[in-house]
């Protein structure tokens, strides 16, 4: 019996057979979810060149395994912006997780159950207060929209709710030019929208029954509003309403980044760094951490894979800020490679969303278990007793692998 199978047998949430790879989670999510919902979890900008490179680049890094000397005990614990976590994997903020009725709360519970932190999007479908109640180690993600007054209101609400910190996201241009077509996202879930989506929903009876049960039992009707962009208890704008506000707001400057740091009483991560010069400016702005990220391929298509940009940025900031990686993580061995190139931890997006689509909270826990097990296997094969021992010397790195943007 494999380690994952043993975990599955002991898992009290187990309803569907336990899956043993993120790829299988994706297959099950595709089978279970309506097409528009599934496409929202996989689609990226234009041709998807960056999406493909985000995952393919990891395969270019080859481990140098030991055959003797594996350590009996292996430590995977670390911390991110002052929050201790059981392994170097945390939840990246993604918008409108209405894949299950509890959405972001399901994800937060799963992360808490596995001892790690949650990133909550400004475009989330659940209020920050509910998510923090499920996982106190929640970082609130902020977009620069609405100007300083509106941003400050959101920062104050996050602090009052008990957020562990904020993630300021800047790497998003929201391209609608997807070669495979953009998913159909209705402005609101009214009768017209439900009629339009009915052909997709009727062929996914398990998913439809899940939502129908929630309406009957909990008297909650699904919507696509964004409750974290307004004061607590107010009706948030729709996704497209929020997008319109973002489009109408002048882009943030480096002075604005420093202003956020000054006006939030807690750690701030700047997400979306791929250039060395931007990383150095982030240090000057006073942030606690940066995430090397291309928004999962949802920013400018053709941007190099995040992992290609990581090591040069780590070298450039030289320990002045924490550096995380976001983009393309599908296996625990990917996590090990990111750590070896200098990341403190990684953030996952599509991987946990597929787990959520496949099996709700239990599916997210399943994905986190897969990544932990794969990371542990890498530590065994490389004869390491701790993730802190991983280094570039443990991998074959092609001469042309890294991208030194803005050097």
Protein backbone atom coordinates (compact mmCIF):
# COMPACT_ATOMS: atom_id res chain seq x y z
CA UNK A 1 0.00 0.00 0.00
CA UNK A 2 1.44 3.40 -0.99
CA UNK A 3 1.75 6.28 1.45
CA UNK A 4 -1.01 8.22 -0.35
CA UNK A 5 -3.31 5.20 -0.37
CA UNK A 6 -2.78 4.81 3.37
CA UNK A 7 -3.67 8.47 3.85
CA UNK A 8 -6.74 7.98 1.70
CA UNK A 9 -7.97 5.03 3.73
CA UNK A 10 -7.67 7.05 6.94
CA UNK A 11 -9.22 10.21 5.51
CA UNK A 12 -12.68 10.83 7.06
CA UNK A 13 -13.72 13.07 4.15
CA UNK A 14 -13.21 10.35 1.59
CA UNK A 15 -16.27 9.99 -0.63
CA UNK A 16 -14.73 9.52 -4.05
CA UNK A 17 -11.64 7.35 -4.52
CA UNK A 18 -8.52 9.19 -3.48
CA UNK A 19 -6.46 10.50 -6.41
CA UNK A 20 -2.68 10.27 -6.49
CA UNK A 21 -1.71 13.11 -8.85
CA UNK A 22 -2.71 16.68 -9.65
CA UNK A 23 -3.24 15.54 -13.24
CA UNK A 24 -5.91 13.13 -12.02
CA UNK A 25 -7.54 15.91 -10.01
CA UNK A 26 -7.71 17.93 -13.22
CA UNK A 27 -9.29 15.05 -15.13
CA UNK A 28 -11.93 14.54 -12.44
CA UNK A 29 -12.65 18.27 -12.22
CA UNK A 30 -13.15 18.40 -15.98
CA UNK A 31 -15.54 15.47 -15.81
CA UNK A 32 -17.55 16.89 -12.90
CA UNK A 33 -17.76 20.64 -13.65
CA UNK A 34 -19.81 22.48 -16.29
CA UNK A 35 -17.62 23.45 -19.23
CA UNK A 36 -17.62 27.20 -18.49
CA UNK A 37 -16.64 26.60 -14.87
CA UNK A 38 -13.85 24.23 -15.85
CA UNK A 39 -12.52 26.54 -18.57
CA UNK A 40 -12.30 29.38 -16.03
CA UNK A 41 -9.83 27.19 -14.11
CA UNK A 42 -7.52 26.40 -17.04
CA UNK A 43 -7.69 29.30 -19.48
CA UNK A 44 -4.83 31.77 -19.87
CA UNK A 45 -3.84 34.64 -22.14
CA UNK A 46 -3.73 34.36 -25.92
CA UNK A 47 -1.91 31.20 -27.12
CA UNK A 48 -1.11 29.90 -23.64
CA UNK A 49 2.65 29.98 -24.31
CA UNK A 50 3.40 31.08 -20.75
CA UNK A 51 1.04 28.51 -19.23
CA UNK A 52 2.87 25.75 -21.09
CA UNK A 53 6.33 27.07 -20.20
CA UNK A 54 5.38 27.44 -16.53
CA UNK A 55 4.99 23.67 -16.28
CA UNK A 56 7.41 22.46 -18.96
CA UNK A 57 10.37 24.38 -17.54
CA UNK A 58 10.45 22.22 -14.41
CA UNK A 59 11.20 19.16 -16.55
CA UNK A 60 14.47 20.79 -17.69
CA UNK A 61 15.84 20.61 -14.14
CA UNK A 62 17.27 17.17 -13.39
CA UNK A 63 17.97 15.93 -9.86
CA UNK A 64 21.32 14.44 -8.87
CA UNK A 65 20.11 11.61 -6.60
CA UNK A 66 22.08 9.69 -4.01
CA UNK A 67 21.60 5.94 -3.84
CA UNK A 68 22.80 5.63 -0.24
CA UNK A 69 22.41 7.99 2.69
CA UNK A 70 18.70 8.82 2.79
CA UNK A 71 17.69 10.49 6.04
CA UNK A 72 15.21 8.81 8.37
CA UNK A 73 13.59 12.12 9.37
CA UNK A 74 12.89 15.05 7.08
CA UNK A 75 11.77 18.53 8.10
CA UNK A 76 9.50 20.43 5.70
CA UNK A 77 8.33 23.23 7.99
CA UNK A 78 9.06 26.90 7.25
CA UNK A 79 7.46 30.31 7.66
CA UNK A 80 6.10 32.95 5.29
CA UNK A 81 5.85 36.57 6.41
CA UNK A 82 5.91 35.53 10.05
CA UNK A 83 3.41 32.68 9.71
CA UNK A 84 4.73 29.19 10.54
CA UNK A 85 3.54 26.59 8.03
CA UNK A 86 3.99 22.83 7.99
CA UNK A 87 5.37 22.72 4.47
CA UNK A 88 6.59 25.28 1.91
CA UNK A 89 3.32 25.30 -0.05
CA UNK A 90 0.55 27.84 0.44
CA UNK A 91 -2.65 28.80 -1.33
CA UNK A 92 -2.36 31.49 -3.98
CA UNK A 93 -5.31 33.91 -4.17
CA UNK A 94 -7.64 33.19 -7.10
CA UNK A 95 -10.92 34.97 -7.82
CA UNK A 96 -14.53 33.76 -7.53
CA UNK A 97 -14.04 30.15 -6.40
CA UNK A 98 -17.72 29.33 -6.83
CA UNK A 99 -16.75 25.79 -7.79
CA UNK A 100 -18.44 24.51 -4.63
CA UNK A 101 -21.09 26.33 -2.53
CA UNK A 102 -18.53 27.11 0.19
CA UNK A 103 -15.78 28.03 -2.29
CA UNK A 104 -12.95 29.86 -0.55
CA UNK A 105 -14.11 28.64 2.88
CA UNK A 106 -13.64 25.04 1.72
CA UNK A 107 -10.13 25.92 0.55
CA UNK A 108 -9.31 27.75 3.78
CA UNK A 109 -10.44 24.77 5.87
CA UNK A 110 -8.33 22.43 3.77
CA UNK A 111 -5.24 24.63 4.13
CA UNK A 112 -5.79 24.88 7.90
CA UNK A 113 -6.19 21.11 8.16
CA UNK A 114 -2.82 20.69 6.47
CA UNK A 115 -1.14 23.42 8.52
CA UNK A 116 -0.58 26.00 5.81
CA UNK A 117 -1.62 29.52 4.87
CA UNK A 118 -4.41 30.82 2.67
CA UNK A 119 -4.29 33.65 0.13
CA UNK A 120 -7.73 35.24 -0.35
CA UNK A 121 -8.51 37.22 -3.49
CA UNK A 122 -10.22 40.61 -3.51
CA UNK A 123 -12.43 38.98 -6.15
CA UNK A 124 -13.37 36.10 -3.85
CA UNK A 125 -16.98 34.98 -3.55
CA UNK A 126 -16.81 34.68 0.26
CA UNK A 127 -16.26 37.50 2.81
CA UNK A 128 -12.83 37.77 4.37
CA UNK A 129 -14.32 37.39 7.86
CA UNK A 130 -15.70 33.92 7.03
CA UNK A 131 -12.45 32.80 5.48
CA UNK A 132 -10.29 33.98 8.39
CA UNK A 133 -12.66 32.19 10.78
CA UNK A 134 -11.84 29.01 8.83
CA UNK A 135 -8.11 29.73 8.65
CA UNK A 136 -6.52 32.49 10.78
CA UNK A 137 -3.39 32.23 8.61
CA UNK A 138 -5.05 34.15 5.78
CA UNK A 139 -3.32 36.78 3.66
CA UNK A 140 -5.69 39.19 1.90
CA UNK A 141 -4.87 39.97 -1.71
CA UNK A 142 -5.34 43.56 -2.86
CA UNK A 143 -5.58 44.92 -6.38
CA UNK A 144 -4.90 48.59 -7.01
CA UNK A 145 -8.42 49.63 -7.97
CA UNK A 146 -10.53 52.59 -6.98
CA UNK A 147 -7.64 54.79 -5.85
CA UNK A 148 -6.00 55.27 -2.45
CA UNK A 149 -9.21 55.91 -0.51
CA UNK A 150 -10.82 52.67 -1.68
CA UNK A 151 -7.61 50.67 -1.24
CA UNK A 152 -7.24 52.02 2.30
CA UNK A 153 -10.79 50.94 3.15
CA UNK A 154 -9.94 47.39 2.09
CA UNK A 155 -6.66 47.39 3.99
CA UNK A 156 -8.46 48.53 7.15
CA UNK A 157 -11.15 45.88 6.74
CA UNK A 158 -8.49 43.19 6.28
CA UNK A 159 -6.67 44.32 9.41
CA UNK A 160 -9.88 44.45 11.44
CA UNK A 161 -10.78 40.94 10.28
CA UNK A 162 -7.43 39.63 11.50
CA UNK A 163 -5.61 39.09 8.20
CA UNK A 164 -2.05 37.86 8.68
CA UNK A 165 -0.85 40.21 5.96
CA UNK A 166 -1.65 41.42 2.47
CA UNK A 167 -0.61 40.36 -1.01
CA UNK A 168 -0.50 43.27 -3.44
CA UNK A 169 -1.00 41.87 -6.94
CA UNK A 170 0.25 43.79 -9.95
CA UNK A 171 0.76 41.11 -12.64
CA UNK A 172 -2.65 41.04 -14.30
CA UNK A 173 -3.74 42.55 -17.61
CA UNK A 174 -6.88 40.39 -18.02
CA UNK A 175 -6.50 39.51 -21.68
CA UNK A 176 -9.72 38.25 -23.24
CA UNK A 177 -7.87 37.13 -26.40
CA UNK A 178 -7.71 33.42 -25.64
CA UNK A 179 -7.18 31.16 -28.64
CA UNK A 180 -9.42 28.46 -27.16
CA UNK A 181 -12.13 30.96 -26.24
CA UNK A 182 -12.93 32.68 -22.97
CA UNK A 183 -15.36 30.94 -20.62
CA UNK A 184 -18.88 32.28 -20.41
CA UNK A 185 -19.11 34.29 -17.19
CA UNK A 186 -22.55 35.86 -16.68
CA UNK A 187 -22.87 39.33 -15.15
CA UNK A 188 -25.20 37.84 -12.55
CA UNK A 189 -26.94 34.51 -11.97
CA UNK A 190 -30.46 35.57 -12.90
CA UNK A 191 -33.09 33.54 -14.76
CA UNK A 192 -31.65 34.50 -18.16
CA UNK A 193 -28.15 33.39 -17.17
CA UNK A 194 -29.39 30.11 -15.73
CA UNK A 195 -31.31 29.39 -18.92
CA UNK A 196 -28.20 30.09 -20.99
CA UNK A 197 -26.06 27.82 -18.84
CA UNK A 198 -28.69 25.08 -18.52
CA UNK A 199 -27.31 22.88 -21.35
CA UNK A 200 -23.93 22.75 -19.55
CA UNK A 201 -25.40 22.19 -16.11
CA UNK A 202 -27.90 19.47 -17.01
CA UNK A 203 -25.09 17.14 -18.14
CA UNK A 204 -23.31 17.61 -14.80
CA UNK A 205 -25.99 16.30 -12.41
CA UNK A 206 -23.69 15.77 -9.40
CA UNK A 207 -22.49 19.37 -9.52
CA UNK A 208 -26.04 20.69 -10.01
CA UNK A 209 -27.34 18.57 -7.13
CA UNK A 210 -24.63 19.93 -4.83
CA UNK A 211 -25.75 23.50 -5.47
CA UNK A 212 -29.45 22.64 -5.31
CA UNK A 213 -28.91 20.97 -1.92
CA UNK A 214 -27.17 24.09 -0.64
CA UNK A 215 -30.07 26.29 -1.76
CA UNK A 216 -32.62 24.04 -0.03
CA UNK A 217 -30.67 23.35 3.18
CA UNK A 218 -28.80 26.61 3.73
CA UNK A 219 -31.12 28.98 1.87
CA UNK A 220 -28.13 30.42 0.00
CA UNK A 221 -28.50 31.39 -3.62
CA UNK A 222 -25.33 31.49 -5.74
CA UNK A 223 -24.10 34.86 -6.96
CA UNK A 224 -21.00 36.29 -8.62
CA UNK A 225 -20.52 39.37 -6.48
CA UNK A 226 -17.25 40.40 -4.82
CA UNK A 227 -18.04 41.08 -1.13
CA UNK A 228 -14.46 42.02 -0.18
CA UNK A 229 -14.38 45.15 -2.33
CA UNK A 230 -16.91 46.96 -0.13
CA UNK A 231 -17.61 47.45 3.57
CA UNK A 232 -18.59 44.36 5.54
CA UNK A 233 -22.24 43.47 5.00
CA UNK A 234 -22.65 45.52 1.83
CA UNK A 235 -23.47 44.02 -1.55
CA UNK A 236 -20.29 43.89 -3.57
CA UNK A 237 -20.06 44.64 -7.28
CA UNK A 238 -20.28 41.86 -9.83
CA UNK A 239 -17.05 40.49 -11.25
CA UNK A 240 -17.39 42.66 -14.34
CA UNK A 241 -18.35 45.66 -12.24
CA UNK A 242 -15.13 45.23 -10.27
CA UNK A 243 -13.19 44.73 -13.48
CA UNK A 244 -14.62 47.99 -14.82
CA UNK A 245 -13.47 49.80 -11.68
CA UNK A 246 -10.00 48.31 -12.09
CA UNK A 247 -9.85 49.41 -15.73
CA UNK A 248 -10.83 52.93 -14.70
CA UNK A 249 -8.13 53.24 -12.03
CA UNK A 250 -4.70 54.63 -13.01
CA UNK A 251 -2.06 51.88 -12.57
CA UNK A 252 -0.08 51.80 -9.33
CA UNK A 253 3.31 53.51 -9.16
CA UNK A 254 6.28 52.53 -6.99
CA UNK A 255 5.26 55.37 -4.69
CA UNK A 256 1.84 53.70 -4.37
CA UNK A 257 3.49 50.41 -3.42
CA UNK A 258 5.45 52.17 -0.67
CA UNK A 259 2.22 53.88 0.44
CA UNK A 260 0.52 50.50 0.90
CA UNK A 261 3.46 49.32 3.03
CA UNK A 262 3.20 52.46 5.15
CA UNK A 263 -0.56 52.21 5.58
CA UNK A 264 -0.92 48.54 6.47
CA UNK A 265 0.13 47.46 9.94
CA UNK A 266 1.57 44.14 8.95
CA UNK A 267 3.63 42.32 6.33
CA UNK A 268 3.10 43.03 2.62
CA UNK A 269 3.97 40.77 -0.30
CA UNK A 270 4.30 42.19 -3.81
CA UNK A 271 3.14 39.58 -6.32
CA UNK A 272 4.03 39.65 -9.99
CA UNK A 273 7.80 40.13 -10.13
CA UNK A 274 9.73 38.66 -13.09
CA UNK A 275 12.44 41.31 -13.51
CA UNK A 276 15.59 41.92 -11.49
CA UNK A 277 15.16 45.70 -11.54
CA UNK A 278 11.56 45.40 -10.31
CA UNK A 279 12.69 43.09 -7.51
CA UNK A 280 15.23 45.68 -6.36
CA UNK A 281 12.59 48.43 -6.49
CA UNK A 282 10.31 46.23 -4.36
CA UNK A 283 13.07 46.04 -1.75
CA UNK A 284 13.35 49.84 -1.83
CA UNK A 285 9.55 50.12 -1.39
CA UNK A 286 9.83 48.22 1.88
CA UNK A 287 7.81 45.07 1.17
CA UNK A 288 8.32 41.99 3.32
CA UNK A 289 8.19 39.48 0.48
CA UNK A 290 7.90 39.19 -3.28
CA UNK A 291 6.34 36.49 -5.41
CA UNK A 292 8.07 35.65 -8.67
CA UNK A 293 4.95 35.24 -10.78
CA UNK A 294 3.44 35.79 -14.21
CA UNK A 295 -0.12 35.37 -12.90
CA UNK A 296 -0.24 31.76 -14.00
CA UNK A 297 -0.03 32.74 -17.65
CA UNK A 298 -2.88 35.25 -17.34
CA UNK A 299 -0.74 38.33 -17.90
CA UNK A 300 1.34 38.97 -21.05
CA UNK A 301 1.59 35.75 -23.02
CA UNK A 302 5.13 34.73 -23.90
CA UNK A 303 6.50 35.89 -20.54
CA UNK A 304 9.09 33.31 -19.42
CA UNK A 305 8.15 30.67 -16.89
CA UNK A 306 8.36 31.93 -13.32
CA UNK A 307 10.92 29.26 -12.40
CA UNK A 308 13.28 30.57 -15.11
CA UNK A 309 13.27 34.03 -13.50
CA UNK A 310 13.57 32.85 -9.90
CA UNK A 311 17.29 32.32 -9.22
CA UNK A 312 18.51 35.63 -10.73
CA UNK A 313 15.95 37.50 -8.62
CA UNK A 314 16.94 35.60 -5.48
CA UNK A 315 20.56 36.56 -6.10
CA UNK A 316 19.65 40.20 -6.76
CA UNK A 317 17.68 40.76 -3.53
CA UNK A 318 20.28 38.84 -1.52
CA UNK A 319 18.06 37.96 1.44
CA UNK A 320 16.61 41.45 1.92
CA UNK A 321 13.07 40.13 1.32
CA UNK A 322 11.47 36.70 1.31
CA UNK A 323 11.09 35.28 -2.21
CA UNK A 324 8.26 32.94 -3.18
CA UNK A 325 7.43 31.29 -6.50
CA UNK A 326 3.99 31.20 -8.09
CA UNK A 327 3.32 29.36 -11.35
CA UNK A 328 3.36 25.84 -12.75
CA UNK A 329 3.58 23.78 -9.56
CA UNK A 330 2.02 20.37 -10.23
CA UNK A 331 4.22 17.99 -8.22
CA UNK A 332 6.15 17.88 -4.99
CA UNK A 333 9.33 17.56 -7.04
CA UNK A 334 8.48 20.97 -8.56
CA UNK A 335 8.36 22.39 -5.04
CA UNK A 336 11.81 20.93 -4.31
CA UNK A 337 13.25 22.49 -7.47
CA UNK A 338 11.85 25.91 -6.59
CA UNK A 339 13.36 25.69 -3.11
CA UNK A 340 16.70 24.60 -4.53
CA UNK A 341 16.74 27.70 -6.75
CA UNK A 342 16.13 29.91 -3.73
CA UNK A 343 12.40 30.17 -3.09
CA UNK A 344 11.30 30.22 0.54
CA UNK A 345 8.00 28.60 -0.44
CA UNK A 346 5.64 28.25 -3.40
CA UNK A 347 2.05 29.30 -3.98
CA UNK A 348 -0.33 27.04 -5.90
CA UNK A 349 -3.37 28.06 -7.93
CA UNK A 350 -4.83 25.72 -10.55
CA UNK A 351 -3.66 22.63 -8.66
CA UNK A 352 -5.87 23.27 -5.63
CA UNK A 353 -8.76 24.54 -7.77
CA UNK A 354 -8.80 21.23 -9.60
CA UNK A 355 -8.80 19.48 -6.25
CA UNK A 356 -11.72 21.65 -5.17
CA UNK A 357 -13.59 20.82 -8.37
CA UNK A 358 -12.88 17.11 -8.05
CA UNK A 359 -13.86 16.62 -4.42
CA UNK A 360 -14.42 19.86 -2.51
CA UNK A 361 -12.45 20.45 0.68
CA UNK A 362 -11.22 16.86 0.71
CA UNK A 363 -9.92 17.31 -2.81
CA UNK A 364 -7.87 20.35 -1.79
CA UNK A 365 -6.44 18.41 1.16
CA UNK A 366 -5.68 15.59 -1.29
CA UNK A 367 -3.67 17.95 -3.53
CA UNK A 368 -1.71 19.30 -0.56
CA UNK A 369 -0.96 15.73 0.54
CA UNK A 370 0.28 14.89 -2.97
CA UNK A 371 2.66 17.84 -2.96
CA UNK A 372 3.92 17.03 0.53
CA UNK A 373 4.54 13.40 -0.41
CA UNK A 374 6.35 14.37 -3.61
CA UNK A 375 8.53 16.86 -1.78
CA UNK A 376 9.33 14.21 0.81
CA UNK A 377 10.35 11.81 -1.97
CA UNK A 378 12.73 14.43 -3.36
CA UNK A 379 14.31 14.90 0.06
CA UNK A 380 14.77 11.12 0.37
CA UNK A 381 16.32 10.79 -3.07
CA UNK A 382 18.66 13.73 -2.52
CA UNK A 383 19.60 12.57 1.01
CA UNK A 384 18.37 15.72 2.74
CA UNK A 385 17.07 15.98 6.28
CA UNK A 386 15.49 19.42 5.75
CA UNK A 387 14.20 21.60 2.95
CA UNK A 388 16.77 24.17 4.07
CA UNK A 389 19.51 21.90 2.74
CA UNK A 390 18.27 21.99 -0.86
CA UNK A 391 20.55 23.93 -3.21
CA UNK A 392 21.29 24.44 -6.90
CA UNK A 393 24.07 21.87 -6.58
CA UNK A 394 21.39 19.20 -6.23
CA UNK A 395 20.13 19.70 -9.81
CA UNK A 396 21.42 19.71 -13.36
CA UNK A 397 20.57 23.21 -14.61
CA UNK A 398 21.00 23.82 -18.37
CA UNK A 399 23.19 26.80 -19.26
CA UNK A 400 20.31 28.54 -21.05
CA UNK A 401 17.65 27.78 -18.45
CA UNK A 402 17.51 31.05 -16.51
CA UNK A 403 16.11 34.36 -17.74
CA UNK A 404 17.74 37.49 -16.34
CA UNK A 405 15.09 40.05 -17.21
CA UNK A 406 15.87 43.70 -16.40
CA UNK A 407 19.40 42.94 -15.26
